[in-house]
C-alpha cells in the first residue's frame, strides 16, 4: 500500500468527497449485520476508516464501532472530529485483536488499495483472527469494469481555496489503476501552490477472492451489487462481499 497517499489530501478529503452516501451505506450494512445476528452493542471494526465519517454513521445504529487506517493524517482528523470513537493508525494486513469483534466492515473501495492477492490474503487472515467464531466480514470493491471505464480519463474538482486534477491510467494486464492527483492550494492573489500524490488500486477477480476467503477460514455468504439488493451484473461499478468466519 502507498503510505504516502492521503497526506495533503487528508485535510480536504471530506470536502472533495461531499457526495459520498455514507448514511445510505451505513443503513445498508447495519441491515446486513442485523440479518446475520450481530446484536446492538457488539464491537465492530472498520478497516480503512479514513476521517471516520462512515464509522460515525454506523455507530448511530448502536454498535460499538472503532476504526483503523494506514494514514496518520486521516486518523488525526478522525480522532478530532469523533472523540467518542476509538481510532488508531494501523495496517489492515497486520492488525488483529484475537476474537474481539462480532463484525468487520470496509467501504469506499479501501480494500482495492491492497496491492494484489498476497496483500488481500494477509488482510483476510488478520480479519479471521480478529473475528469471533461466526463473525461477519463485509466489504466493497470497485470492479475491473469500473477501472476500464476510468482508463485515460481526466477529472477535475474545486472547492474554496483548493482544486485538483485527477488523471487515470489502468494497466489491464497487471489489473492496477494508477491515480495521479495534482492539488492546487490557493496561497494569495494569483499564487497557487501545487502538490502531487500518486495512488493505486488493484482490480480483484471474483474467483480469487472466494478462494482466498476459503483459505483464510471464511464462507462467502453473499455477493451483491452496489445497492446490496441482488447479485452483480456484468457492468457493476461496485460490489459487496459478505463473509462469515467459520
Foldseek 3Di string as FASTA:
>chain_A
DDLPPCDVCLVCVCVVVVPDPLLLVLVVVVVVCVVLPNDAQFEEEEEQCFLPPNQVNNCVSRYQYAYEHQHPSRQVNNCVVCVVHHYDYDDLLPDADAQRGLEYEYEPAPVQQQQDLVSNLSNLLRVLRRHHAFGKYKYKHFALLQLVVLAQDWDKDDDVQKIKIWGWHADVVSQKIKIWIWMWGDDDDPDTDIDIDIGMGGHDDPVSVCVSNVVSQKHWPDKAAPSRPHHDDPNGRMIMTMITHD
